[in-house]
Amino acid sequence: MDPNVARILDRLPQTDPLIAAKAIENRIAALADELNARYPDGVSIISVMTGAMPFTADLIRQLTVPVQVSVVVARSYEGTAQRNGELKLRLPPEACAVTGQHVLVVDDILDSGQTLGRLFADIRAMGPASLAGCVLLRKERPDITGRIEMDYVGFDIPDAFVVGYGLDYDGLGRNLPAIYALPGGA
């Protein structure tokens, strides 16, 4: 890793976050209330790894309805890339058993929409009873037209490179409890 980036990541917890940990906690509680109302009989959650791990964990702890959880590995950023590259999806067998179920895809961030668009198409082909999406962050991206819409959004953010609360820069920063915009886009 570039030593300058490491120094930036080390200093982030001493700067003002873009989204504070308490704001994240409060928004997740509100999202869970909406989901509990929408899915009184339960929901199958497919979490997009690895960035959505903290969000998914905190969200499902707030749900009071029956929940099944599986994960999909989706990767479109490699190393220090700040824009999507080639998309790779890996669905485990339990994520493919969604026929007739209410499915909620949970992800950390909606950027270009490429990852979620492809994942939604793959899941729709499996015949769920319903399919909805929930992201913690939605980037403002006026340069993208026809981007997939999400049913549930935690926060709208500017088009900045962000780390913390599951989001990383070259594998680092996921453990920060708040979300920070990297200065200069890293």
N, C-alpha and C. Protein backbone atom coordinates (compact mmCIF):
# COMPACT_ATOMS: atom_id res chain seq x y z
N MET A 1 0.85 -1.19 0.00
CA MET A 1 0.00 0.00 0.00
C MET A 1 0.88 1.23 0.00
N ASP A 2 0.43 2.23 -0.68
CA ASP A 2 1.10 3.52 -0.72
C ASP A 2 1.20 4.06 0.70
N PRO A 3 2.40 4.43 1.17
CA PRO A 3 2.55 4.94 2.54
C PRO A 3 1.72 6.20 2.80
N ASN A 4 1.50 7.02 1.78
CA ASN A 4 0.68 8.22 1.96
C ASN A 4 -0.77 7.85 2.26
N VAL A 5 -1.27 6.83 1.61
CA VAL A 5 -2.64 6.37 1.87
C VAL A 5 -2.75 5.82 3.28
N ALA A 6 -1.75 5.05 3.70
CA ALA A 6 -1.75 4.51 5.06
C ALA A 6 -1.80 5.64 6.08
N ARG A 7 -1.06 6.71 5.84
CA ARG A 7 -1.08 7.85 6.77
C ARG A 7 -2.45 8.52 6.79
N ILE A 8 -3.09 8.62 5.63
CA ILE A 8 -4.44 9.21 5.57
C ILE A 8 -5.41 8.35 6.38
N LEU A 9 -5.38 7.04 6.17
CA LEU A 9 -6.29 6.15 6.90
C LEU A 9 -6.04 6.22 8.40
N ASP A 10 -4.78 6.34 8.81
CA ASP A 10 -4.47 6.44 10.23
C ASP A 10 -5.04 7.70 10.85
N ARG A 11 -5.14 8.79 10.08
CA ARG A 11 -5.62 10.06 10.62
C ARG A 11 -7.14 10.21 10.57
N LEU A 12 -7.83 9.39 9.78
CA LEU A 12 -9.27 9.56 9.60
C LEU A 12 -10.06 9.60 10.90
N PRO A 13 -9.83 8.68 11.85
CA PRO A 13 -10.64 8.73 13.08
C PRO A 13 -10.50 10.04 13.86
N GLN A 14 -9.48 10.84 13.58
CA GLN A 14 -9.32 12.12 14.27
C GLN A 14 -10.00 13.26 13.51
N THR A 15 -10.55 12.99 12.33
CA THR A 15 -11.24 14.01 11.55
C THR A 15 -12.75 13.83 11.67
N ASP A 16 -13.49 14.82 11.24
CA ASP A 16 -14.95 14.71 11.26
C ASP A 16 -15.39 13.71 10.20
N PRO A 17 -16.23 12.77 10.59
CA PRO A 17 -16.70 11.79 9.60
C PRO A 17 -17.74 12.41 8.67
N LEU A 18 -17.88 11.82 7.52
CA LEU A 18 -18.97 12.19 6.61
C LEU A 18 -20.30 11.78 7.24
N ILE A 19 -20.32 10.57 7.85
CA ILE A 19 -21.50 10.08 8.56
C ILE A 19 -21.03 9.46 9.88
N ALA A 20 -21.50 10.00 10.97
CA ALA A 20 -21.08 9.55 12.30
C ALA A 20 -21.70 8.19 12.64
N ALA A 21 -21.05 7.47 13.54
CA ALA A 21 -21.52 6.16 13.95
C ALA A 21 -22.94 6.21 14.52
N LYS A 22 -23.26 7.22 15.30
CA LYS A 22 -24.60 7.33 15.90
C LYS A 22 -25.65 7.56 14.82
N ALA A 23 -25.32 8.33 13.80
CA ALA A 23 -26.27 8.55 12.70
C ALA A 23 -26.53 7.24 11.95
N ILE A 24 -25.49 6.44 11.77
CA ILE A 24 -25.64 5.14 11.12
C ILE A 24 -26.56 4.25 11.96
N GLU A 25 -26.30 4.20 13.24
CA GLU A 25 -27.11 3.39 14.16
C GLU A 25 -28.59 3.80 14.09
N ASN A 26 -28.86 5.09 14.14
CA ASN A 26 -30.24 5.58 14.11
C ASN A 26 -30.92 5.28 12.78
N ARG A 27 -30.19 5.42 11.68
CA ARG A 27 -30.79 5.18 10.37
C ARG A 27 -31.09 3.70 10.18
N ILE A 28 -30.22 2.83 10.67
CA ILE A 28 -30.47 1.39 10.56
C ILE A 28 -31.72 1.00 11.34
N ALA A 29 -31.91 1.60 12.51
CA ALA A 29 -33.12 1.31 13.30
C ALA A 29 -34.37 1.73 12.52
N ALA A 30 -34.31 2.86 11.85
CA ALA A 30 -35.46 3.32 11.06
C ALA A 30 -35.71 2.41 9.86
N LEU A 31 -34.64 1.99 9.19
CA LEU A 31 -34.78 1.06 8.07
C LEU A 31 -35.40 -0.26 8.54
N ALA A 32 -34.95 -0.75 9.69
CA ALA A 32 -35.47 -2.01 10.22
C ALA A 32 -36.97 -1.89 10.52
N ASP A 33 -37.40 -0.75 11.03
CA ASP A 33 -38.83 -0.54 11.27
C ASP A 33 -39.62 -0.66 9.97
N GLU A 34 -39.11 -0.05 8.90
CA GLU A 34 -39.77 -0.12 7.59
C GLU A 34 -39.82 -1.56 7.08
N LEU A 35 -38.72 -2.28 7.25
CA LEU A 35 -38.65 -3.67 6.77
C LEU A 35 -39.54 -4.59 7.58
N ASN A 36 -39.60 -4.39 8.88
CA ASN A 36 -40.49 -5.18 9.73
C ASN A 36 -41.95 -5.00 9.29
N ALA A 37 -42.30 -3.78 8.91
CA ALA A 37 -43.67 -3.52 8.46
C ALA A 37 -43.93 -4.14 7.08
N ARG A 38 -42.93 -4.11 6.21
CA ARG A 38 -43.13 -4.63 4.85
C ARG A 38 -43.16 -6.15 4.81
N TYR A 39 -42.38 -6.81 5.65
CA TYR A 39 -42.24 -8.27 5.60
C TYR A 39 -42.69 -8.93 6.90
N PRO A 40 -43.95 -8.83 7.29
CA PRO A 40 -44.38 -9.40 8.57
C PRO A 40 -44.23 -10.92 8.64
N ASP A 41 -44.23 -11.59 7.47
CA ASP A 41 -44.09 -13.04 7.45
C ASP A 41 -42.65 -13.50 7.24
N GLY A 42 -41.74 -12.56 7.11
CA GLY A 42 -40.34 -12.89 6.96
C GLY A 42 -39.76 -12.51 5.62
N VAL A 43 -38.42 -12.54 5.54
CA VAL A 43 -37.70 -12.12 4.34
C VAL A 43 -36.39 -12.91 4.23
N SER A 44 -36.00 -13.17 2.99
CA SER A 44 -34.69 -13.77 2.71
C SER A 44 -33.75 -12.66 2.30
N ILE A 45 -32.72 -12.48 3.07
CA ILE A 45 -31.74 -11.42 2.79
C ILE A 45 -30.54 -12.03 2.08
N ILE A 46 -30.14 -11.39 1.00
CA ILE A 46 -28.89 -11.74 0.32
C ILE A 46 -27.98 -10.54 0.49
N SER A 47 -26.92 -10.73 1.24
CA SER A 47 -25.96 -9.67 1.55
C SER A 47 -24.79 -9.73 0.58
N VAL A 48 -24.42 -8.58 0.06
CA VAL A 48 -23.30 -8.51 -0.88
C VAL A 48 -22.03 -8.31 -0.06
N MET A 49 -21.14 -9.26 -0.17
CA MET A 49 -19.92 -9.24 0.63
C MET A 49 -18.81 -8.52 -0.11
N THR A 50 -17.90 -7.97 0.53
CA THR A 50 -17.59 -8.00 1.94
C THR A 50 -18.02 -6.70 2.61
N GLY A 51 -18.19 -5.68 1.81
CA GLY A 51 -18.49 -4.36 2.36
C GLY A 51 -19.78 -4.27 3.15
N ALA A 52 -20.77 -5.08 2.84
CA ALA A 52 -22.06 -4.99 3.51
C ALA A 52 -22.12 -5.76 4.83
N MET A 53 -21.03 -6.40 5.23
CA MET A 53 -21.06 -7.21 6.46
C MET A 53 -21.54 -6.43 7.68
N PRO A 54 -20.93 -5.30 8.03
CA PRO A 54 -21.39 -4.59 9.23
C PRO A 54 -22.83 -4.12 9.11
N PHE A 55 -23.19 -3.57 7.95
CA PHE A 55 -24.55 -3.08 7.73
C PHE A 55 -25.56 -4.21 7.86
N THR A 56 -25.30 -5.33 7.20
CA THR A 56 -26.22 -6.46 7.26
C THR A 56 -26.36 -6.98 8.69
N ALA A 57 -25.24 -7.13 9.38
CA ALA A 57 -25.28 -7.64 10.75
C ALA A 57 -26.10 -6.73 11.66
N ASP A 58 -25.85 -5.43 11.58
CA ASP A 58 -26.59 -4.51 12.43
C ASP A 58 -28.07 -4.45 12.04
N LEU A 59 -28.35 -4.54 10.75
CA LEU A 59 -29.73 -4.50 10.28
C LEU A 59 -30.52 -5.72 10.74
N ILE A 60 -29.96 -6.92 10.57
CA ILE A 60 -30.73 -8.11 10.93
C ILE A 60 -30.94 -8.22 12.45
N ARG A 61 -30.04 -7.64 13.23
CA ARG A 61 -30.25 -7.63 14.68
C ARG A 61 -31.44 -6.77 15.08
N GLN A 62 -31.81 -5.83 14.22
CA GLN A 62 -32.95 -4.95 14.49
C GLN A 62 -34.27 -5.51 13.95
N LEU A 63 -34.19 -6.54 13.12
CA LEU A 63 -35.41 -7.10 12.53
C LEU A 63 -36.09 -8.03 13.53
N THR A 64 -37.42 -7.94 13.56
CA THR A 64 -38.20 -8.78 14.48
C THR A 64 -38.99 -9.84 13.72
N VAL A 65 -38.87 -9.87 12.40
CA VAL A 65 -39.56 -10.85 11.56
C VAL A 65 -38.60 -12.01 11.28
N PRO A 66 -39.13 -13.16 10.84
CA PRO A 66 -38.23 -14.27 10.48
C PRO A 66 -37.30 -13.84 9.33
N VAL A 67 -36.03 -14.20 9.47
CA VAL A 67 -35.02 -13.80 8.50
C VAL A 67 -34.15 -14.99 8.13
N GLN A 68 -33.95 -15.17 6.84
CA GLN A 68 -32.93 -16.09 6.34
C GLN A 68 -31.86 -15.22 5.69
N VAL A 69 -30.60 -15.58 5.90
CA VAL A 69 -29.51 -14.76 5.37
C VAL A 69 -28.56 -15.64 4.57
N SER A 70 -28.19 -15.16 3.40
CA SER A 70 -27.12 -15.77 2.63
C SER A 70 -26.28 -14.63 2.04
N VAL A 71 -25.18 -14.99 1.48
CA VAL A 71 -24.27 -13.97 0.96
C VAL A 71 -23.94 -14.25 -0.50
N VAL A 72 -23.59 -13.19 -1.17
CA VAL A 72 -23.07 -13.29 -2.53
C VAL A 72 -21.75 -12.53 -2.54
N VAL A 73 -20.79 -13.10 -3.20
CA VAL A 73 -19.52 -12.41 -3.37
C VAL A 73 -19.58 -11.71 -4.72
N ALA A 74 -19.50 -10.40 -4.67
CA ALA A 74 -19.51 -9.59 -5.89
C ALA A 74 -18.31 -8.67 -5.83
N ARG A 75 -17.55 -8.67 -6.88
CA ARG A 75 -16.35 -7.86 -6.87
C ARG A 75 -16.24 -7.12 -8.20
N SER A 76 -16.15 -5.79 -8.09
CA SER A 76 -15.95 -5.00 -9.29
C SER A 76 -14.84 -3.97 -9.11
N TYR A 77 -14.34 -3.83 -7.88
CA TYR A 77 -13.21 -2.95 -7.61
C TYR A 77 -12.02 -3.83 -7.28
N GLU A 78 -10.90 -3.57 -7.86
CA GLU A 78 -9.69 -4.33 -7.55
C GLU A 78 -8.65 -3.40 -6.98
N GLY A 79 -8.00 -3.82 -5.91
CA GLY A 79 -6.90 -3.04 -5.33
C GLY A 79 -7.35 -1.65 -4.96
N THR A 80 -6.68 -0.65 -5.52
CA THR A 80 -6.96 0.73 -5.19
C THR A 80 -7.87 1.41 -6.21
N ALA A 81 -8.52 0.64 -7.06
CA ALA A 81 -9.41 1.21 -8.08
C ALA A 81 -10.56 1.95 -7.41
N GLN A 82 -10.94 3.08 -8.00
CA GLN A 82 -12.04 3.87 -7.47
C GLN A 82 -13.27 3.81 -8.36
N ARG A 83 -13.18 3.14 -9.45
CA ARG A 83 -14.33 2.94 -10.34
C ARG A 83 -14.42 1.47 -10.69
N ASN A 84 -15.60 1.06 -11.06
CA ASN A 84 -15.86 -0.35 -11.35
C ASN A 84 -15.00 -0.89 -12.48
N GLY A 85 -14.60 -2.13 -12.31
CA GLY A 85 -13.94 -2.89 -13.36
C GLY A 85 -14.85 -4.00 -13.80
N GLU A 86 -14.29 -5.15 -14.20
CA GLU A 86 -15.10 -6.30 -14.60
C GLU A 86 -15.81 -6.89 -13.39
N LEU A 87 -17.10 -7.16 -13.52
CA LEU A 87 -17.90 -7.67 -12.41
C LEU A 87 -17.82 -9.18 -12.33
N LYS A 88 -17.57 -9.68 -11.12
CA LYS A 88 -17.54 -11.12 -10.86
C LYS A 88 -18.53 -11.41 -9.74
N LEU A 89 -19.46 -12.35 -9.95
CA LEU A 89 -20.45 -12.74 -8.95
C LEU A 89 -20.28 -14.20 -8.60
N ARG A 90 -20.43 -14.53 -7.31
CA ARG A 90 -20.43 -15.91 -6.85
C ARG A 90 -21.57 -16.08 -5.87
N LEU A 91 -22.62 -16.77 -6.31
CA LEU A 91 -23.77 -17.05 -5.46
C LEU A 91 -23.66 -18.45 -4.88
N PRO A 92 -23.71 -18.59 -3.54
CA PRO A 92 -23.72 -19.93 -2.96
C PRO A 92 -25.07 -20.59 -3.19
N PRO A 93 -25.17 -21.91 -3.05
CA PRO A 93 -26.43 -22.61 -3.32
C PRO A 93 -27.63 -22.07 -2.53
N GLU A 94 -27.43 -21.70 -1.26
CA GLU A 94 -28.57 -21.22 -0.47
C GLU A 94 -29.09 -19.88 -0.99
N ALA A 95 -28.24 -19.07 -1.61
CA ALA A 95 -28.70 -17.81 -2.19
C ALA A 95 -29.52 -18.06 -3.45
N CYS A 96 -29.35 -19.21 -4.05
CA CYS A 96 -30.09 -19.54 -5.28
C CYS A 96 -31.45 -20.14 -4.99
N ALA A 97 -31.75 -20.45 -3.74
CA ALA A 97 -33.02 -21.08 -3.37
C ALA A 97 -34.04 -20.02 -2.95
N VAL A 98 -34.34 -19.10 -3.87
CA VAL A 98 -35.22 -17.99 -3.53
C VAL A 98 -36.57 -18.05 -4.23
N THR A 99 -36.82 -19.09 -4.98
CA THR A 99 -38.09 -19.20 -5.70
C THR A 99 -39.26 -19.06 -4.74
N GLY A 100 -40.16 -18.14 -5.05
CA GLY A 100 -41.35 -17.94 -4.24
C GLY A 100 -41.14 -17.19 -2.94
N GLN A 101 -39.93 -16.74 -2.66
CA GLN A 101 -39.65 -16.04 -1.41
C GLN A 101 -39.56 -14.53 -1.62
N HIS A 102 -39.78 -13.79 -0.55
CA HIS A 102 -39.54 -12.34 -0.57
C HIS A 102 -38.05 -12.14 -0.30
N VAL A 103 -37.39 -11.48 -1.24
CA VAL A 103 -35.93 -11.34 -1.18
C VAL A 103 -35.55 -9.87 -1.06
N LEU A 104 -34.63 -9.59 -0.14
CA LEU A 104 -34.08 -8.27 0.03
C LEU A 104 -32.57 -8.37 -0.17
N VAL A 105 -32.05 -7.66 -1.16
CA VAL A 105 -30.61 -7.60 -1.39
C VAL A 105 -30.08 -6.43 -0.58
N VAL A 106 -29.06 -6.68 0.22
CA VAL A 106 -28.47 -5.65 1.07
C VAL A 106 -27.03 -5.43 0.63
N ASP A 107 -26.68 -4.17 0.36
CA ASP A 107 -25.33 -3.83 -0.07
C ASP A 107 -24.87 -2.57 0.66
N ASP A 108 -23.57 -2.34 0.62
CA ASP A 108 -23.03 -1.18 1.30
C ASP A 108 -23.25 0.11 0.54
N ILE A 109 -23.07 0.08 -0.80
CA ILE A 109 -23.11 1.33 -1.55
C ILE A 109 -23.62 1.11 -2.96
N LEU A 110 -24.43 2.06 -3.42
CA LEU A 110 -24.85 2.10 -4.81
C LEU A 110 -24.03 3.18 -5.49
N ASP A 111 -23.17 2.75 -6.40
CA ASP A 111 -22.31 3.67 -7.12
C ASP A 111 -22.79 3.71 -8.57
N SER A 112 -22.17 2.94 -9.45
CA SER A 112 -22.61 2.92 -10.85
C SER A 112 -23.89 2.11 -11.02
N GLY A 113 -24.14 1.18 -10.12
CA GLY A 113 -25.30 0.30 -10.22
C GLY A 113 -25.03 -0.98 -11.00
N GLN A 114 -23.82 -1.12 -11.52
CA GLN A 114 -23.47 -2.30 -12.32
C GLN A 114 -23.61 -3.59 -11.50
N THR A 115 -23.04 -3.61 -10.32
CA THR A 115 -23.08 -4.81 -9.49
C THR A 115 -24.51 -5.18 -9.13
N LEU A 116 -25.25 -4.22 -8.59
CA LEU A 116 -26.62 -4.52 -8.17
C LEU A 116 -27.53 -4.81 -9.35
N GLY A 117 -27.34 -4.13 -10.46
CA GLY A 117 -28.16 -4.41 -11.65
C GLY A 117 -28.00 -5.84 -12.11
N ARG A 118 -26.78 -6.30 -12.17
CA ARG A 118 -26.51 -7.68 -12.59
C ARG A 118 -27.05 -8.68 -11.58
N LEU A 119 -26.85 -8.40 -10.30
CA LEU A 119 -27.32 -9.30 -9.25
C LEU A 119 -28.85 -9.39 -9.27
N PHE A 120 -29.52 -8.27 -9.42
CA PHE A 120 -30.98 -8.27 -9.48
C PHE A 120 -31.47 -9.09 -10.66
N ALA A 121 -30.84 -8.95 -11.82
CA ALA A 121 -31.23 -9.73 -13.00
C ALA A 121 -31.08 -11.22 -12.73
N ASP A 122 -29.97 -11.61 -12.10
CA ASP A 122 -29.74 -13.02 -11.79
C ASP A 122 -30.79 -13.55 -10.80
N ILE A 123 -31.13 -12.77 -9.79
CA ILE A 123 -32.10 -13.20 -8.79
C ILE A 123 -33.51 -13.25 -9.38
N ARG A 124 -33.87 -12.24 -10.18
CA ARG A 124 -35.20 -12.25 -10.82
C ARG A 124 -35.41 -13.52 -11.64
N ALA A 125 -34.35 -14.00 -12.28
CA ALA A 125 -34.45 -15.22 -13.09
C ALA A 125 -34.76 -16.44 -12.24
N MET A 126 -34.56 -16.36 -10.93
CA MET A 126 -34.82 -17.48 -10.03
C MET A 126 -36.26 -17.51 -9.51
N GLY A 127 -37.07 -16.50 -9.85
CA GLY A 127 -38.48 -16.50 -9.51
C GLY A 127 -38.85 -16.18 -8.08
N PRO A 128 -38.28 -15.12 -7.48
CA PRO A 128 -38.72 -14.78 -6.13
C PRO A 128 -40.13 -14.21 -6.14
N ALA A 129 -40.81 -14.27 -5.00
CA ALA A 129 -42.14 -13.67 -4.88
C ALA A 129 -42.04 -12.15 -5.02
N SER A 130 -40.99 -11.58 -4.46
CA SER A 130 -40.71 -10.15 -4.60
C SER A 130 -39.21 -9.94 -4.45
N LEU A 131 -38.73 -8.84 -4.96
CA LEU A 131 -37.31 -8.51 -4.89
C LEU A 131 -37.16 -7.02 -4.63
N ALA A 132 -36.44 -6.68 -3.57
CA ALA A 132 -36.19 -5.29 -3.21
C ALA A 132 -34.72 -5.12 -2.87
N GLY A 133 -34.29 -3.88 -2.86
CA GLY A 133 -32.89 -3.59 -2.55
C GLY A 133 -32.76 -2.57 -1.44
N CYS A 134 -31.71 -2.73 -0.66
CA CYS A 134 -31.42 -1.84 0.46
C CYS A 134 -29.93 -1.56 0.47
N VAL A 135 -29.56 -0.29 0.41
CA VAL A 135 -28.15 0.09 0.48
C VAL A 135 -27.95 1.08 1.61
N LEU A 136 -26.81 1.02 2.23
CA LEU A 136 -26.49 2.00 3.26
C LEU A 136 -26.24 3.36 2.62
N LEU A 137 -25.49 3.37 1.52
CA LEU A 137 -25.11 4.62 0.87
C LEU A 137 -25.50 4.61 -0.60
N ARG A 138 -25.95 5.76 -1.08
CA ARG A 138 -26.20 5.94 -2.51
C ARG A 138 -25.43 7.18 -2.94
N LYS A 139 -24.46 6.96 -3.84
CA LYS A 139 -23.66 8.07 -4.34
C LYS A 139 -24.45 8.89 -5.34
N GLU A 140 -24.27 10.20 -5.27
CA GLU A 140 -24.81 11.08 -6.29
C GLU A 140 -23.96 10.89 -7.54
N ARG A 141 -24.57 10.36 -8.58
CA ARG A 141 -23.85 10.08 -9.84
C ARG A 141 -24.67 10.56 -11.03
N PRO A 142 -24.74 11.87 -11.26
CA PRO A 142 -25.53 12.37 -12.39
C PRO A 142 -24.97 11.94 -13.75
N ASP A 143 -23.74 11.45 -13.77
CA ASP A 143 -23.13 10.98 -15.02
C ASP A 143 -23.66 9.61 -15.44
N ILE A 144 -24.42 8.94 -14.56
CA ILE A 144 -24.95 7.60 -14.85
C ILE A 144 -26.44 7.72 -15.14
N THR A 145 -26.85 7.23 -16.28
CA THR A 145 -28.28 7.21 -16.59
C THR A 145 -28.78 5.77 -16.53
N GLY A 146 -30.02 5.62 -16.12
CA GLY A 146 -30.62 4.29 -16.07
C GLY A 146 -30.10 3.42 -14.95
N ARG A 147 -29.50 4.03 -13.94
CA ARG A 147 -28.99 3.26 -12.80
C ARG A 147 -30.15 2.63 -12.05
N ILE A 148 -29.95 1.43 -11.55
CA ILE A 148 -30.97 0.71 -10.79
C ILE A 148 -31.40 1.55 -9.58
N GLU A 149 -32.67 1.48 -9.26
CA GLU A 149 -33.20 2.20 -8.10
C GLU A 149 -33.24 1.25 -6.90
N MET A 150 -33.04 1.79 -5.73
CA MET A 150 -33.13 1.01 -4.50
C MET A 150 -34.41 1.38 -3.75
N ASP A 151 -35.01 0.38 -3.12
CA ASP A 151 -36.23 0.60 -2.35
C ASP A 151 -35.94 1.26 -1.01
N TYR A 152 -34.75 0.98 -0.46
CA TYR A 152 -34.37 1.50 0.85
C TYR A 152 -32.95 2.04 0.76
N VAL A 153 -32.76 3.28 1.23
CA VAL A 153 -31.45 3.93 1.18
C VAL A 153 -31.18 4.54 2.55
N GLY A 154 -30.02 4.23 3.08
CA GLY A 154 -29.62 4.81 4.35
C GLY A 154 -29.29 6.29 4.21
N PHE A 155 -28.33 6.59 3.35
CA PHE A 155 -27.85 7.97 3.19
C PHE A 155 -27.49 8.23 1.73
N ASP A 156 -27.80 9.43 1.26
CA ASP A 156 -27.28 9.90 -0.02
C ASP A 156 -25.99 10.65 0.27
N ILE A 157 -24.95 10.37 -0.54
CA ILE A 157 -23.65 11.01 -0.32
C ILE A 157 -23.14 11.58 -1.64
N PRO A 158 -22.21 12.54 -1.55
CA PRO A 158 -21.60 13.05 -2.78
C PRO A 158 -20.73 11.97 -3.43
N ASP A 159 -20.34 12.20 -4.66
CA ASP A 159 -19.49 11.26 -5.40
C ASP A 159 -18.06 11.38 -4.88
N ALA A 160 -17.81 10.76 -3.75
CA ALA A 160 -16.48 10.77 -3.11
C ALA A 160 -16.11 9.33 -2.81
N PHE A 161 -14.82 9.08 -2.67
CA PHE A 161 -14.38 7.75 -2.27
C PHE A 161 -14.47 7.69 -0.76
N VAL A 162 -15.23 6.72 -0.24
CA VAL A 162 -15.49 6.64 1.19
C VAL A 162 -14.97 5.34 1.78
N VAL A 163 -14.61 5.41 3.04
CA VAL A 163 -14.16 4.23 3.78
C VAL A 163 -14.83 4.23 5.15
N GLY A 164 -14.83 3.06 5.76
CA GLY A 164 -15.38 2.90 7.10
C GLY A 164 -16.69 2.14 7.06
N TYR A 165 -17.04 1.55 8.18
CA TYR A 165 -18.27 0.80 8.35
C TYR A 165 -18.47 -0.20 7.21
N GLY A 166 -17.40 -0.93 6.92
CA GLY A 166 -17.46 -1.97 5.89
C GLY A 166 -16.81 -1.59 4.58
N LEU A 167 -16.75 -0.32 4.27
CA LEU A 167 -16.14 0.13 3.02
C LEU A 167 -14.63 0.27 3.21
N ASP A 168 -13.88 -0.07 2.17
CA ASP A 168 -12.43 -0.13 2.34
C ASP A 168 -11.70 0.61 1.24
N TYR A 169 -10.43 0.83 1.50
CA TYR A 169 -9.48 1.27 0.50
C TYR A 169 -8.37 0.23 0.49
N ASP A 170 -8.30 -0.53 -0.56
CA ASP A 170 -7.30 -1.60 -0.70
C ASP A 170 -7.30 -2.54 0.51
N GLY A 171 -8.53 -2.85 0.98
CA GLY A 171 -8.68 -3.79 2.07
C GLY A 171 -8.63 -3.18 3.46
N LEU A 172 -8.32 -1.92 3.58
CA LEU A 172 -8.19 -1.28 4.90
C LEU A 172 -9.31 -0.28 5.13
N GLY A 173 -9.62 -0.06 6.39
CA GLY A 173 -10.60 0.94 6.79
C GLY A 173 -11.98 0.39 7.06
N ARG A 174 -12.22 -0.90 6.77
CA ARG A 174 -13.55 -1.48 6.98
C ARG A 174 -14.00 -1.42 8.44
N ASN A 175 -13.05 -1.44 9.36
CA ASN A 175 -13.36 -1.51 10.78
C ASN A 175 -13.65 -0.15 11.42
N LEU A 176 -13.56 0.93 10.68
CA LEU A 176 -13.88 2.24 11.26
C LEU A 176 -15.38 2.30 11.54
N PRO A 177 -15.79 2.82 12.70
CA PRO A 177 -17.21 2.80 13.07
C PRO A 177 -18.06 3.86 12.36
N ALA A 178 -17.42 4.82 11.74
CA ALA A 178 -18.11 5.88 11.00
C ALA A 178 -17.65 5.82 9.55
N ILE A 179 -18.24 6.67 8.71
CA ILE A 179 -17.87 6.71 7.29
C ILE A 179 -17.16 8.02 7.02
N TYR A 180 -16.02 7.91 6.32
CA TYR A 180 -15.17 9.05 6.04
C TYR A 180 -14.96 9.17 4.53
N ALA A 181 -14.92 10.40 4.05
CA ALA A 181 -14.54 10.65 2.65
C ALA A 181 -13.03 10.82 2.64
N LEU A 182 -12.38 10.07 1.75
CA LEU A 182 -10.93 10.21 1.67
C LEU A 182 -10.59 11.53 1.00
N PRO A 183 -9.67 12.27 1.58
CA PRO A 183 -9.27 13.55 0.98
C PRO A 183 -8.65 13.34 -0.40
N GLY A 184 -9.08 14.13 -1.33
CA GLY A 184 -8.52 14.03 -2.70
C GLY A 184 -8.89 12.75 -3.40
N GLY A 185 -9.90 12.03 -2.89
CA GLY A 185 -10.31 10.77 -3.51
C GLY A 185 -9.29 9.68 -3.36
N ALA A 186 -8.32 9.86 -2.45
CA ALA A 186 -7.22 8.92 -2.18
C ALA A 186 -6.31 9.01 -3.33
